[in-house]
PDB file of N, CA and C in Angstrom:
ATOM      1  N   UNK A   1       0.803  -1.146  -0.066  1.00  0.00           N
ATOM      2  CA  UNK A   1      -0.028   0.011   0.006  1.00  0.00           C
ATOM      3  C   UNK A   1       0.941   1.209  -0.057  1.00  0.00           C
ATOM      4  N   UNK A   2       0.548   2.178  -0.830  1.00  0.00           N
ATOM      5  CA  UNK A   2       1.356   3.406  -0.987  1.00  0.00           C
ATOM      6  C   UNK A   2       1.031   4.366   0.192  1.00  0.00           C
ATOM      7  N   UNK A   3       1.980   5.031   0.538  1.00  0.00           N
ATOM      8  CA  UNK A   3       1.779   5.966   1.810  1.00  0.00           C
ATOM      9  C   UNK A   3       0.637   6.973   1.671  1.00  0.00           C
ATOM     10  N   UNK A   4       0.406   7.446   0.342  1.00  0.00           N
ATOM     11  CA  UNK A   4      -0.737   8.378   0.184  1.00  0.00           C
ATOM     12  C   UNK A   4      -2.016   7.613   0.302  1.00  0.00           C
ATOM     13  N   UNK A   5      -2.124   6.366   0.022  1.00  0.00           N
ATOM     14  CA  UNK A   5      -3.370   5.568   0.151  1.00  0.00           C
ATOM     15  C   UNK A   5      -3.747   5.566   1.623  1.00  0.00           C
ATOM     16  N   UNK A   6      -2.776   5.338   2.517  1.00  0.00           N
ATOM     17  CA  UNK A   6      -3.027   5.313   3.828  1.00  0.00           C
ATOM     18  C   UNK A   6      -3.365   6.411   4.523  1.00  0.00           C
ATOM     19  N   UNK A   7      -2.681   7.467   4.211  1.00  0.00           N
ATOM     20  CA  UNK A   7      -3.008   8.864   4.816  1.00  0.00           C
ATOM     21  C   UNK A   7      -4.233   9.492   4.279  1.00  0.00           C
ATOM     22  N   UNK A   8      -4.720   9.020   3.059  1.00  0.00           N
ATOM     23  CA  UNK A   8      -5.807   9.691   2.500  1.00  0.00           C
ATOM     24  C   UNK A   8      -7.148   8.890   2.713  1.00  0.00           C
ATOM     25  N   UNK A   9      -7.210   8.185   3.616  1.00  0.00           N
ATOM     26  CA  UNK A   9      -8.449   7.402   3.895  1.00  0.00           C
ATOM     27  C   UNK A   9      -9.572   8.368   4.200  1.00  0.00           C
ATOM     28  N   UNK A  10      -9.328   9.471   4.973  1.00  0.00           N
ATOM     29  CA  UNK A  10     -10.538  10.244   5.471  1.00  0.00           C
ATOM     30  C   UNK A  10     -10.062  11.688   5.199  1.00  0.00           C
ATOM     31  N   UNK A  11     -10.440  12.367   4.016  1.00  0.00           N
ATOM     32  CA  UNK A  11      -9.972  13.663   3.821  1.00  0.00           C
ATOM     33  C   UNK A  11     -10.642  14.684   4.643  1.00  0.00           C
ATOM     34  N   UNK A  12     -11.905  14.442   5.146  1.00  0.00           N
ATOM     35  CA  UNK A  12     -12.630  15.349   5.900  1.00  0.00           C
ATOM     36  C   UNK A  12     -11.971  15.412   7.364  1.00  0.00           C
ATOM     37  N   UNK A  13     -11.486  14.301   7.786  1.00  0.00           N
ATOM     38  CA  UNK A  13     -10.794  14.304   9.148  1.00  0.00           C
ATOM     39  C   UNK A  13      -9.514  15.071   8.933  1.00  0.00           C
ATOM     40  N   UNK A  14      -8.827  14.878   7.824  1.00  0.00           N
ATOM     41  CA  UNK A  14      -7.592  15.653   7.647  1.00  0.00           C
ATOM     42  C   UNK A  14      -7.740  17.135   7.630  1.00  0.00           C
ATOM     43  N   UNK A  15      -8.827  17.571   6.959  1.00  0.00           N
ATOM     44  CA  UNK A  15      -9.176  19.019   7.121  1.00  0.00           C
ATOM     45  C   UNK A  15      -9.518  19.549   8.457  1.00  0.00           C
ATOM     46  N   UNK A  16     -10.349  18.641   9.156  1.00  0.00           N
ATOM     47  CA  UNK A  16     -10.622  18.983  10.452  1.00  0.00           C
ATOM     48  C   UNK A  16      -9.316  19.095  11.447  1.00  0.00           C
ATOM     49  N   UNK A  17      -8.435  18.207  11.349  1.00  0.00           N
ATOM     50  CA  UNK A  17      -7.208  18.159  12.132  1.00  0.00           C
ATOM     51  C   UNK A  17      -6.457  19.488  11.794  1.00  0.00           C
ATOM     52  N   UNK A  18      -6.207  19.705  10.445  1.00  0.00           N
ATOM     53  CA  UNK A  18      -5.512  20.846  10.078  1.00  0.00           C
ATOM     54  C   UNK A  18      -6.031  22.115  10.515  1.00  0.00           C
ATOM     55  N   UNK A  19      -7.384  22.243  10.484  1.00  0.00           N
ATOM     56  CA  UNK A  19      -7.999  23.586  11.053  1.00  0.00           C
ATOM     57  C   UNK A  19      -7.943  23.696  12.405  1.00  0.00           C
ATOM     58  N   UNK A  20      -8.053  22.761  13.184  1.00  0.00           N
ATOM     59  CA  UNK A  20      -7.889  22.673  14.656  1.00  0.00           C
ATOM     60  C   UNK A  20      -6.525  23.012  15.013  1.00  0.00           C
ATOM     61  N   UNK A  21      -5.552  22.354  14.438  1.00  0.00           N
ATOM     62  CA  UNK A  21      -4.089  22.564  14.642  1.00  0.00           C
ATOM     63  C   UNK A  21      -3.686  24.076  14.170  1.00  0.00           C
ATOM     64  N   UNK A  22      -4.219  24.589  13.035  1.00  0.00           N
ATOM     65  CA  UNK A  22      -3.903  25.877  12.798  1.00  0.00           C
ATOM     66  C   UNK A  22      -4.524  26.941  13.642  1.00  0.00           C
ATOM     67  N   UNK A  23      -5.773  26.659  14.127  1.00  0.00           N
ATOM     68  CA  UNK A  23      -6.495  27.658  15.054  1.00  0.00           C
ATOM     69  C   UNK A  23      -5.737  27.641  16.388  1.00  0.00           C
ATOM     70  N   UNK A  24      -5.350  26.491  16.958  1.00  0.00           N
ATOM     71  CA  UNK A  24      -4.730  26.441  18.226  1.00  0.00           C
ATOM     72  C   UNK A  24      -3.208  27.091  18.213  1.00  0.00           C
ATOM     73  N   UNK A  25      -2.556  26.816  16.890  1.00  0.00           N
ATOM     74  CA  UNK A  25      -1.303  27.476  16.731  1.00  0.00           C
ATOM     75  C   UNK A  25      -1.369  29.078  16.713  1.00  0.00           C
ATOM     76  N   UNK A  26      -2.327  29.585  16.026  1.00  0.00           N
ATOM     77  CA  UNK A  26      -2.405  31.015  15.945  1.00  0.00           C
ATOM     78  C   UNK A  26      -2.934  31.616  17.372  1.00  0.00           C
ATOM     79  N   UNK A  27      -3.793  30.870  17.986  1.00  0.00           N
ATOM     80  CA  UNK A  27      -4.136  31.307  19.308  1.00  0.00           C
ATOM     81  C   UNK A  27      -2.949  31.417  20.231  1.00  0.00           C
ATOM     82  N   UNK A  28      -2.094  30.403  20.326  1.00  0.00           N
ATOM     83  CA  UNK A  28      -1.015  30.425  21.177  1.00  0.00           C
ATOM     84  C   UNK A  28       0.089  31.396  20.764  1.00  0.00           C
ATOM     85  N   UNK A  29       0.223  31.538  19.439  1.00  0.00           N
ATOM     86  CA  UNK A  29       1.179  32.483  18.854  1.00  0.00           C
ATOM     87  C   UNK A  29       0.838  33.911  19.108  1.00  0.00           C
ATOM     88  N   UNK A  30      -0.604  34.142  19.030  1.00  0.00           N
ATOM     89  CA  UNK A  30      -1.043  35.413  19.463  1.00  0.00           C
ATOM     90  C   UNK A  30      -0.922  35.679  20.871  1.00  0.00           C
ATOM     91  N   UNK A  31      -0.963  34.796  21.744  1.00  0.00           N
ATOM     92  CA  UNK A  31      -0.886  34.908  23.138  1.00  0.00           C
ATOM     93  C   UNK A  31       0.692  35.246  23.444  1.00  0.00           C
ATOM     94  N   UNK A  32       1.511  34.606  22.810  1.00  0.00           N
ATOM     95  CA  UNK A  32       2.931  35.035  23.032  1.00  0.00           C
ATOM     96  C   UNK A  32       3.298  36.456  22.527  1.00  0.00           C
ATOM     97  N   UNK A  33       2.517  36.878  21.356  1.00  0.00           N
ATOM     98  CA  UNK A  33       2.808  38.262  20.953  1.00  0.00           C
ATOM     99  C   UNK A  33       2.199  39.324  21.764  1.00  0.00           C
ATOM    100  N   UNK A  34       0.892  39.090  22.138  1.00  0.00           N
ATOM    101  CA  UNK A  34       0.139  40.067  22.862  1.00  0.00           C
ATOM    102  C   UNK A  34       0.306  40.234  24.313  1.00  0.00           C
ATOM    103  N   UNK A  35       0.764  39.103  24.936  1.00  0.00           N
ATOM    104  CA  UNK A  35       1.029  39.129  26.450  1.00  0.00           C
ATOM    105  C   UNK A  35       2.516  39.389  26.563  1.00  0.00           C
ATOM    106  N   UNK A  36       2.766  40.525  27.126  1.00  0.00           N
ATOM    107  CA  UNK A  36       4.187  40.817  27.133  1.00  0.00           C
ATOM    108  C   UNK A  36       4.824  40.137  28.423  1.00  0.00           C
ATOM    109  N   UNK A  37       4.323  40.193  29.523  1.00  0.00           N
ATOM    110  CA  UNK A  37       4.916  39.477  30.698  1.00  0.00           C
ATOM    111  C   UNK A  37       4.250  38.192  31.005  1.00  0.00           C
ATOM    112  N   UNK A  38       4.525  37.145  30.293  1.00  0.00           N
ATOM    113  CA  UNK A  38       3.849  35.861  30.625  1.00  0.00           C
ATOM    114  C   UNK A  38       4.551  35.253  31.772  1.00  0.00           C
ATOM    115  N   UNK A  39       3.800  34.889  32.851  1.00  0.00           N
ATOM    116  CA  UNK A  39       4.434  34.194  33.945  1.00  0.00           C
ATOM    117  C   UNK A  39       4.942  32.846  33.529  1.00  0.00           C
ATOM    118  N   UNK A  40       5.996  32.376  34.176  1.00  0.00           N
ATOM    119  CA  UNK A  40       6.685  31.068  33.851  1.00  0.00           C
ATOM    120  C   UNK A  40       5.815  29.887  33.959  1.00  0.00           C
ATOM    121  N   UNK A  41       4.929  29.934  34.834  1.00  0.00           N
ATOM    122  CA  UNK A  41       3.941  28.949  34.999  1.00  0.00           C
ATOM    123  C   UNK A  41       3.020  28.737  33.777  1.00  0.00           C
ATOM    124  N   UNK A  42       2.824  29.809  33.085  1.00  0.00           N
ATOM    125  CA  UNK A  42       1.953  29.745  31.856  1.00  0.00           C
ATOM    126  C   UNK A  42       2.806  29.543  30.608  1.00  0.00           C
ATOM    127  N   UNK A  43       4.126  29.977  30.498  1.00  0.00           N
ATOM    128  CA  UNK A  43       4.958  29.907  29.548  1.00  0.00           C
ATOM    129  C   UNK A  43       5.176  28.514  28.853  1.00  0.00           C
ATOM    130  N   UNK A  44       5.518  27.650  29.737  1.00  0.00           N
ATOM    131  CA  UNK A  44       5.994  26.330  29.303  1.00  0.00           C
ATOM    132  C   UNK A  44       4.637  25.521  28.758  1.00  0.00           C
ATOM    133  N   UNK A  45       3.502  25.553  29.450  1.00  0.00           N
ATOM    134  CA  UNK A  45       2.320  24.968  28.880  1.00  0.00           C
ATOM    135  C   UNK A  45       1.914  25.464  27.611  1.00  0.00           C
ATOM    136  N   UNK A  46       2.079  26.823  27.555  1.00  0.00           N
ATOM    137  CA  UNK A  46       1.645  27.522  26.239  1.00  0.00           C
ATOM    138  C   UNK A  46       2.549  27.096  25.053  1.00  0.00           C
ATOM    139  N   UNK A  47       3.907  27.013  25.416  1.00  0.00           N
ATOM    140  CA  UNK A  47       4.779  26.552  24.471  1.00  0.00           C
ATOM    141  C   UNK A  47       4.543  25.106  23.949  1.00  0.00           C
ATOM    142  N   UNK A  48       4.207  24.184  24.950  1.00  0.00           N
ATOM    143  CA  UNK A  48       3.880  22.786  24.685  1.00  0.00           C
ATOM    144  C   UNK A  48       2.726  22.765  23.716  1.00  0.00           C
ATOM    145  N   UNK A  49       1.654  23.605  24.033  1.00  0.00           N
ATOM    146  CA  UNK A  49       0.434  23.561  23.291  1.00  0.00           C
ATOM    147  C   UNK A  49       0.675  24.171  21.773  1.00  0.00           C
ATOM    148  N   UNK A  50       1.546  25.114  21.778  1.00  0.00           N
ATOM    149  CA  UNK A  50       1.987  25.579  20.539  1.00  0.00           C
ATOM    150  C   UNK A  50       2.694  24.583  19.628  1.00  0.00           C
ATOM    151  N   UNK A  51       3.480  23.767  20.239  1.00  0.00           N
ATOM    152  CA  UNK A  51       4.252  22.738  19.352  1.00  0.00           C
ATOM    153  C   UNK A  51       3.355  21.625  19.076  1.00  0.00           C
ATOM    154  N   UNK A  52       2.337  21.322  19.947  1.00  0.00           N
ATOM    155  CA  UNK A  52       1.296  20.130  19.620  1.00  0.00           C
ATOM    156  C   UNK A  52       0.508  20.642  18.511  1.00  0.00           C
ATOM    157  N   UNK A  53       0.126  21.854  18.648  1.00  0.00           N
ATOM    158  CA  UNK A  53      -0.871  22.448  17.565  1.00  0.00           C
ATOM    159  C   UNK A  53      -0.211  22.616  16.221  1.00  0.00           C
ATOM    160  N   UNK A  54       1.108  22.844  16.203  1.00  0.00           N
ATOM    161  CA  UNK A  54       1.887  22.842  15.018  1.00  0.00           C
ATOM    162  C   UNK A  54       2.030  21.425  14.429  1.00  0.00           C
ATOM    163  N   UNK A  55       2.229  20.442  15.249  1.00  0.00           N
ATOM    164  CA  UNK A  55       2.355  18.995  14.787  1.00  0.00           C
ATOM    165  C   UNK A  55       0.979  18.602  14.236  1.00  0.00           C
ATOM    166  N   UNK A  56      -0.112  18.900  14.768  1.00  0.00           N
ATOM    167  CA  UNK A  56      -1.455  18.652  14.354  1.00  0.00           C
ATOM    168  C   UNK A  56      -1.669  19.320  12.989  1.00  0.00           C
ATOM    169  N   UNK A  57      -1.320  20.529  12.746  1.00  0.00           N
ATOM    170  CA  UNK A  57      -1.656  21.205  11.587  1.00  0.00           C
ATOM    171  C   UNK A  57      -0.686  20.538  10.466  1.00  0.00           C
ATOM    172  N   UNK A  58       0.494  20.253  10.714  1.00  0.00           N
ATOM    173  CA  UNK A  58       1.295  19.562   9.861  1.00  0.00           C
ATOM    174  C   UNK A  58       0.871  18.214   9.404  1.00  0.00           C
ATOM    175  N   UNK A  59       0.312  17.461  10.474  1.00  0.00           N
ATOM    176  CA  UNK A  59      -0.213  16.060  10.159  1.00  0.00           C
ATOM    177  C   UNK A  59      -1.496  16.235   9.339  1.00  0.00           C
ATOM    178  N   UNK A  60      -2.266  17.124   9.596  1.00  0.00           N
ATOM    179  CA  UNK A  60      -3.509  17.419   8.711  1.00  0.00           C
ATOM    180  C   UNK A  60      -3.142  17.828   7.413  1.00  0.00           C
ATOM    181  N   UNK A  61      -2.200  18.638   7.191  1.00  0.00           N
ATOM    182  CA  UNK A  61      -1.715  19.172   5.844  1.00  0.00           C
ATOM    183  C   UNK A  61      -1.274  17.941   4.955  1.00  0.00           C
ATOM    184  N   UNK A  62      -0.468  17.135   5.799  1.00  0.00           N
ATOM    185  CA  UNK A  62       0.163  15.903   5.022  1.00  0.00           C
ATOM    186  C   UNK A  62      -0.975  14.962   4.648  1.00  0.00           C
ATOM    187  N   UNK A  63      -1.986  14.807   5.408  1.00  0.00           N
ATOM    188  CA  UNK A  63      -3.279  13.999   4.943  1.00  0.00           C
ATOM    189  C   UNK A  63      -3.905  14.655   3.795  1.00  0.00           C
ATOM    190  N   UNK A  64      -4.003  16.018   3.718  1.00  0.00           N
ATOM    191  CA  UNK A  64      -4.549  16.629   2.501  1.00  0.00           C
ATOM    192  C   UNK A  64      -3.743  16.542   1.286  1.00  0.00           C
ATOM    193  N   UNK A  65      -2.451  16.633   1.474  1.00  0.00           N
ATOM    194  CA  UNK A  65      -1.543  16.458   0.404  1.00  0.00           C
ATOM    195  C   UNK A  65      -1.605  14.956  -0.146  1.00  0.00           C
ATOM    196  N   UNK A  66      -1.699  14.036   0.737  1.00  0.00           N
ATOM    197  CA  UNK A  66      -1.761  12.561   0.432  1.00  0.00           C
ATOM    198  C   UNK A  66      -3.050  12.224  -0.320  1.00  0.00           C
ATOM    199  N   UNK A  67      -4.147  12.998  -0.085  1.00  0.00           N
ATOM    200  CA  UNK A  67      -5.409  12.757  -0.769  1.00  0.00           C
ATOM    201  C   UNK A  67      -5.195  13.236  -2.253  1.00  0.00           C
ATOM    202  N   UNK A  68      -4.581  14.369  -2.373  1.00  0.00           N
ATOM    203  CA  UNK A  68      -4.238  14.779  -3.707  1.00  0.00           C
ATOM    204  C   UNK A  68      -3.374  13.922  -4.534  1.00  0.00           C
ATOM    205  N   UNK A  69      -2.363  13.410  -3.890  1.00  0.00           N
ATOM    206  CA  UNK A  69      -1.447  12.338  -4.508  1.00  0.00           C
ATOM    207  C   UNK A  69      -2.271  11.204  -5.009  1.00  0.00           C
ATOM    208  N   UNK A  70      -3.000  10.588  -4.000  1.00  0.00           N
ATOM    209  CA  UNK A  70      -3.864   9.484  -4.162  1.00  0.00           C
ATOM    210  C   UNK A  70      -4.719   9.593  -5.350  1.00  0.00           C
ATOM    211  N   UNK A  71      -5.438  10.816  -5.450  1.00  0.00           N
ATOM    212  CA  UNK A  71      -6.282  11.207  -6.633  1.00  0.00           C
ATOM    213  C   UNK A  71      -5.558  11.140  -7.888  1.00  0.00           C
ATOM    214  N   UNK A  72      -4.304  11.807  -7.979  1.00  0.00           N
ATOM    215  CA  UNK A  72      -3.513  11.845  -9.269  1.00  0.00           C
ATOM    216  C   UNK A  72      -3.101  10.452  -9.579  1.00  0.00           C
ATOM    217  N   UNK A  73      -2.771   9.530  -8.580  1.00  0.00           N
ATOM    218  CA  UNK A  73      -2.365   8.099  -9.006  1.00  0.00           C
ATOM    219  C   UNK A  73      -3.597   7.341  -9.559  1.00  0.00           C
ATOM    220  N   UNK A  74      -4.847   7.614  -8.945  1.00  0.00           N
ATOM    221  CA  UNK A  74      -5.995   6.967  -9.478  1.00  0.00           C
ATOM    222  C   UNK A  74      -6.271   7.400 -10.890  1.00  0.00           C
ATOM    223  N   UNK A  75      -6.324   8.611 -11.069  1.00  0.00           N
ATOM    224  CA  UNK A  75      -6.565   9.134 -12.410  1.00  0.00           C
ATOM    225  C   UNK A  75      -5.520   8.808 -13.427  1.00  0.00           C
ATOM    226  N   UNK A  76      -4.313   8.641 -13.096  1.00  0.00           N
ATOM    227  CA  UNK A  76      -3.221   8.328 -13.945  1.00  0.00           C
ATOM    228  C   UNK A  76      -3.509   6.789 -14.408  1.00  0.00           C
ATOM    229  N   UNK A  77      -3.895   6.023 -13.402  1.00  0.00           N
ATOM    230  CA  UNK A  77      -4.128   4.559 -13.844  1.00  0.00           C
ATOM    231  C   UNK A  77      -5.403   4.435 -14.658  1.00  0.00           C
ATOM    232  N   UNK A  78      -6.450   5.196 -14.403  1.00  0.00           N
ATOM    233  CA  UNK A  78      -7.636   5.304 -15.093  1.00  0.00           C
ATOM    234  C   UNK A  78      -7.346   5.724 -16.621  1.00  0.00           C
ATOM    235  N   UNK A  79      -6.636   6.776 -16.811  1.00  0.00           N
ATOM    236  CA  UNK A  79      -6.362   7.216 -18.139  1.00  0.00           C
ATOM    237  C   UNK A  79      -5.342   6.319 -18.990  1.00  0.00           C
ATOM    238  N   UNK A  80      -4.484   5.722 -18.161  1.00  0.00           N
ATOM    239  CA  UNK A  80      -3.586   4.770 -18.811  1.00  0.00           C
ATOM    240  C   UNK A  80      -4.354   3.551 -19.389  1.00  0.00           C
ATOM    241  N   UNK A  81      -5.388   3.025 -18.548  1.00  0.00           N
ATOM    242  CA  UNK A  81      -6.201   2.057 -19.047  1.00  0.00           C
ATOM    243  C   UNK A  81      -7.086   2.414 -20.321  1.00  0.00           C
ATOM    244  N   UNK A  82      -7.583   3.589 -20.187  1.00  0.00           N
ATOM    245  CA  UNK A  82      -8.418   4.182 -21.238  1.00  0.00           C
ATOM    246  C   UNK A  82      -7.565   4.324 -22.687  1.00  0.00           C
ATOM    247  N   UNK A  83      -6.429   4.828 -22.597  1.00  0.00           N
ATOM    248  CA  UNK A  83      -5.749   4.964 -23.728  1.00  0.00           C
ATOM    249  C   UNK A  83      -5.032   3.707 -24.035  1.00  0.00           C
ATOM    250  N   UNK A  84      -4.729   2.887 -23.457  1.00  0.00           N
ATOM    251  CA  UNK A  84      -4.032   1.631 -23.772  1.00  0.00           C
ATOM    252  C   UNK A  84      -5.212   0.735 -24.617  1.00  0.00           C
ATOM    253  N   UNK A  85      -6.359   0.862 -24.181  1.00  0.00           N
ATOM    254  CA  UNK A  85      -7.540   0.011 -24.897  1.00  0.00           C
ATOM    255  C   UNK A  85      -7.740   0.660 -26.263  1.00  0.00           C
ATOM    256  N   UNK A  86      -7.518   1.779 -26.605  1.00  0.00           N
ATOM    257  CA  UNK A  86      -7.740   2.425 -27.869  1.00  0.00           C
ATOM    258  C   UNK A  86      -6.687   2.052 -28.939  1.00  0.00           C
ATOM    259  N   UNK A  87      -5.464   1.596 -28.576  1.00  0.00           N
ATOM    260  CA  UNK A  87      -4.485   1.441 -29.492  1.00  0.00           C
ATOM    261  C   UNK A  87      -4.595   0.077 -30.275  1.00  0.00           C
TER     262      UNK A  87
END
């Protein structure tokens, strides 16, 4: 099984994971920007959430990309069969 087939099983889930990760990332990044004196007790959990959100967004984006790759592979095989029958 190709890696794009495995990751592209559920494209709606990939979009949802990407958007949740992106929203959390921007929320944490804006907290770092707009809160000037972040207490240390909040700094490390906020940084951990930021990194987890980034990983979620990347994972969701890879799933979206894998869906596109799987679609390209499917259509390539379909057109290859179509044009090989006409010869």
